[in-house]
Protein backbone atom coordinates (compact mmCIF):
# COMPACT_ATOMS: atom_id res chain seq x y z
CA MET A 1 0.00 0.00 0.00
CA LYS A 2 2.91 2.34 0.60
CA GLN A 3 3.63 2.21 -3.14
CA MET A 4 0.17 3.56 -4.04
CA PRO A 5 -0.15 7.20 -5.18
CA SER A 6 -1.24 9.28 -2.18
CA ARG A 7 -4.76 10.19 -3.40
CA TYR A 8 -5.43 6.64 -4.58
CA ARG A 9 -4.28 5.30 -1.21
CA ALA A 10 -6.48 7.78 0.68
CA ARG A 11 -9.59 6.68 -1.22
CA PHE A 12 -8.66 3.01 -0.93
CA ILE A 13 -8.03 3.08 2.84
CA ASN A 14 -11.09 5.25 3.51
CA SER A 15 -13.27 2.69 1.72
CA LEU A 16 -12.13 -0.23 3.89
CA SER A 17 -14.23 0.73 6.92
CA GLY A 18 -17.48 0.53 4.95
CA PHE A 19 -20.48 2.74 5.57
CA LYS A 20 -19.95 5.71 7.89
CA SER A 21 -22.30 8.32 9.32
CA ALA A 22 -22.72 11.61 7.50
CA ASN A 23 -22.90 14.58 9.85
CA LEU A 24 -22.35 18.31 9.75
CA ILE A 25 -20.63 19.93 12.71
CA ALA A 26 -21.75 23.52 13.18
CA THR A 27 -19.74 26.01 15.25
CA GLN A 28 -19.14 29.70 15.70
CA ASP A 29 -16.45 31.84 17.27
CA ASN A 30 -16.92 34.40 20.03
CA GLN A 31 -17.55 37.09 17.42
CA GLY A 32 -20.50 35.13 15.98
CA ASN A 33 -18.78 33.98 12.78
CA THR A 34 -20.27 30.60 11.85
CA ASN A 35 -18.70 27.50 10.35
CA VAL A 36 -20.15 24.17 9.26
CA ALA A 37 -18.20 21.16 7.99
CA ILE A 38 -19.00 17.57 7.08
CA PHE A 39 -17.54 14.71 9.15
CA SER A 40 -17.80 10.95 8.69
CA SER A 41 -16.03 10.01 11.91
CA ILE A 42 -18.74 10.64 14.53
CA VAL A 43 -18.77 7.75 17.01
CA HIS A 44 -20.92 6.88 20.02
CA LEU A 45 -18.82 6.66 23.19
CA GLY A 46 -21.41 6.11 25.91
CA ALA A 47 -25.00 6.71 26.98
CA SER A 48 -24.54 7.77 30.61
CA PRO A 49 -23.09 10.32 30.33
CA ALA A 50 -24.12 10.78 26.69
CA LEU A 51 -20.74 11.06 24.97
CA VAL A 52 -19.81 11.29 21.29
CA GLY A 53 -16.45 11.71 19.64
CA PHE A 54 -15.02 12.59 16.26
CA ILE A 55 -11.59 12.63 14.70
CA MET A 56 -9.93 15.91 13.78
CA ARG A 57 -7.33 15.73 11.04
CA PRO A 58 -3.70 16.82 11.55
CA ASP A 59 -3.12 20.54 11.98
CA THR A 60 -2.79 22.26 8.62
CA GLY A 61 -3.14 25.77 9.99
CA GLN A 62 -6.83 25.99 8.99
CA ARG A 63 -9.01 24.07 11.41
CA HIS A 64 -11.91 26.45 11.89
CA THR A 65 -14.16 23.80 13.43
CA LEU A 66 -11.69 22.85 16.17
CA ASP A 67 -10.65 26.45 16.82
CA ASN A 68 -14.29 27.44 17.32
CA ILE A 69 -15.00 24.47 19.59
CA ILE A 70 -12.02 25.31 21.79
CA GLU A 71 -13.08 28.95 21.88
CA THR A 72 -16.78 28.47 22.74
CA GLN A 73 -16.74 24.91 24.20
CA THR A 74 -19.97 24.05 22.34
CA TYR A 75 -21.09 22.81 18.92
CA THR A 76 -23.90 20.93 17.20
CA ILE A 77 -23.87 17.69 15.27
CA ASN A 78 -26.42 17.56 12.44
CA GLN A 79 -27.32 14.39 10.53
CA VAL A 80 -27.29 14.71 6.74
CA SER A 81 -30.37 13.62 4.79
CA GLU A 82 -31.12 13.04 1.11
CA ALA A 83 -32.58 16.53 0.68
CA PHE A 84 -29.27 18.36 1.15
CA TYR A 85 -26.38 15.88 0.94
CA GLN A 86 -24.81 17.72 -2.02
CA GLN A 87 -24.73 20.98 -0.07
CA ALA A 88 -23.32 19.08 2.91
CA HIS A 89 -20.54 17.62 0.77
CA GLN A 90 -19.65 21.09 -0.53
CA THR A 91 -18.76 22.19 3.02
CA SER A 92 -15.58 20.12 2.67
CA ALA A 93 -14.19 22.78 0.33
CA ARG A 94 -11.45 24.93 1.86
CA TYR A 95 -13.28 28.21 2.31
CA SER A 96 -11.50 31.11 3.98
CA ILE A 97 -12.15 31.95 7.60
CA ASP A 98 -14.20 34.97 6.45
CA ASP A 99 -16.61 32.83 4.40
CA SER A 100 -19.26 30.94 6.32
CA GLU A 101 -20.08 27.59 4.74
CA PHE A 102 -23.72 28.31 5.58
CA ASP A 103 -23.65 31.24 3.16
CA MET A 104 -21.45 29.56 0.57
CA THR A 105 -23.52 26.36 0.30
CA GLY A 106 -27.06 27.60 0.94
CA LEU A 107 -27.49 25.71 4.20
CA GLU A 108 -29.76 27.49 6.67
CA CYS A 109 -28.46 28.41 10.10
CA GLY A 110 -30.57 28.30 13.25
CA TYR A 111 -29.61 28.69 16.90
CA ILE A 112 -30.28 26.98 20.20
CA ASP A 113 -28.78 28.67 23.27
CA ASN A 114 -26.58 30.71 20.89
CA VAL A 115 -25.11 27.56 19.31
CA PRO A 116 -25.63 27.28 15.51
CA PHE A 117 -27.30 24.28 13.88
CA VAL A 118 -28.37 23.26 10.37
CA LYS A 119 -32.09 23.93 9.90
CA GLN A 120 -32.43 21.37 7.10
CA SER A 121 -31.20 18.57 9.36
CA ASN A 122 -33.96 16.34 10.73
CA LEU A 123 -31.86 15.21 13.70
CA LYS A 124 -29.37 17.44 15.47
CA TYR A 125 -27.95 17.75 18.95
CA VAL A 126 -25.98 20.22 21.03
CA VAL A 127 -22.63 19.04 22.37
CA LYS A 128 -20.43 20.47 25.12
CA LEU A 129 -16.70 19.89 24.79
CA LYS A 130 -15.31 17.57 27.47
CA GLU A 131 -11.87 16.47 26.28
CA ILE A 132 -9.47 16.54 23.34
CA MET A 133 -7.24 13.48 23.14
CA PRO A 134 -4.14 13.69 20.90
CA ILE A 135 -3.33 10.61 18.82
CA PRO A 136 0.46 10.81 18.31
CA LEU A 137 0.53 7.95 15.78
CA ASN A 138 -0.79 10.17 13.00
CA ASN A 139 -1.08 13.60 14.64
CA THR A 140 -4.88 13.51 14.73
CA GLN A 141 -7.12 14.29 17.71
CA MET A 142 -10.20 12.66 19.20
CA VAL A 143 -12.64 15.39 20.22
CA ILE A 144 -15.03 14.16 22.91
CA GLY A 145 -18.20 15.96 23.92
CA GLU A 146 -21.34 15.43 26.00
CA ILE A 147 -24.78 15.71 24.39
CA THR A 148 -26.95 18.26 26.22
CA ASP A 149 -29.94 18.79 23.90
CA VAL A 150 -31.53 16.85 21.02
CA LEU A 151 -33.82 18.22 18.30
CA CYS A 152 -35.80 15.50 16.52
CA GLU A 153 -39.38 14.77 15.42
CA GLU A 154 -41.07 12.75 18.15
CA SER A 155 -42.89 10.68 15.52
CA VAL A 156 -39.68 8.81 14.61
CA ILE A 157 -38.79 7.92 18.19
CA GLU A 158 -40.17 4.49 19.06
CA LYS A 159 -41.48 3.45 22.48
CA ASP A 160 -38.17 1.81 23.45
CA GLY A 161 -36.13 4.92 22.57
CA TYR A 162 -34.98 3.71 19.14
CA ILE A 163 -34.75 6.52 16.57
CA ASP A 164 -35.84 5.45 13.09
CA ILE A 165 -33.22 7.35 11.12
CA GLU A 166 -34.45 5.83 7.83
CA ALA A 167 -37.73 7.66 8.35
CA LEU A 168 -35.63 10.84 8.48
CA GLN A 169 -34.01 9.91 5.12
CA THR A 170 -30.58 9.96 6.72
CA VAL A 171 -27.73 9.20 4.30
CA THR A 172 -24.45 7.42 4.86
CA ILE A 173 -20.97 7.77 3.33
CA SER A 174 -18.52 5.24 1.97
CA GLY A 175 -15.00 6.25 1.09
CA LEU A 176 -14.53 9.99 0.84
CA ASP A 177 -17.29 11.04 -1.51
CA SER A 178 -19.88 8.30 -2.11
CA TYR A 179 -23.32 8.91 -0.54
CA HIS A 180 -25.95 6.23 0.03
CA SER A 181 -29.48 5.78 1.28
CA SER A 182 -30.18 2.67 3.36
CA GLN A 183 -32.76 -0.08 3.70
CA ARG A 184 -33.23 -1.74 7.07
CA LEU A 185 -33.21 -5.54 7.06
CA SER A 186 -34.81 -5.89 10.51
CA ARG A 187 -34.47 -5.10 14.19
CA LEU A 188 -33.26 -8.07 16.20
CA SER A 189 -33.98 -8.93 19.81
CA TYR A 190 -31.36 -8.53 22.55
CA ALA A 191 -28.68 -11.19 22.00
CA LYS A 192 -28.39 -13.77 24.79
CA PRO A 193 -25.89 -16.68 24.98
CA ASP A 194 -28.59 -19.33 25.57
CA ILE A 195 -30.41 -18.84 22.25
CA PRO A 196 -30.27 -22.13 20.24
CA LEU A 197 -28.39 -22.07 16.94
CA HIS A 198 -31.48 -23.09 14.95
CA GLU A 199 -33.35 -20.02 16.19
CA ILE A 200 -30.48 -17.75 15.14
CA GLU A 201 -30.34 -19.34 11.69
CA SER A 202 -34.12 -19.18 11.26
CA SER A 203 -33.99 -15.39 11.64
CA LYS A 204 -31.93 -15.00 8.47
């Protein structure tokens, strides 16, 4: 793999992990300048407390998202849906610090407790920064935050707390630039070690 051209290798390695979540992280600085950028590295870290993390790339001198998070300690994570995935992808362009991706891509900005979010997103949540963990192996950082507020249609939240993200037309990403809709196969019951093999196989 080390012999591969750099861009080819980046696409190849990014494809290995399969489908990833598509989310926009919205931030602003203390002067009110907004920023929104797409991330495919959002990961659940725990439910109590409600923690999520994402990976920040190595420092290139222009990391508006991280700078804003450090400055204000808050941000929102906004799921991407079919209606605006192309605009979401465009936020990955390297706009200058003076150009808000909201303005440049046509995404609409709303606020909750003075924290910006993406109005088009059907599921978004406010996050408070808790920790930034450096990863020396490749000079990236794991940014960890605690979810404080969630904005979502109650109609897609089932009685057991499950959120039907397909009903929200949430999209997923493979590689760096391939977007997909999904089709649920089924929801399975809680896995227990005493379930007979024939019952597991019959559920296929």
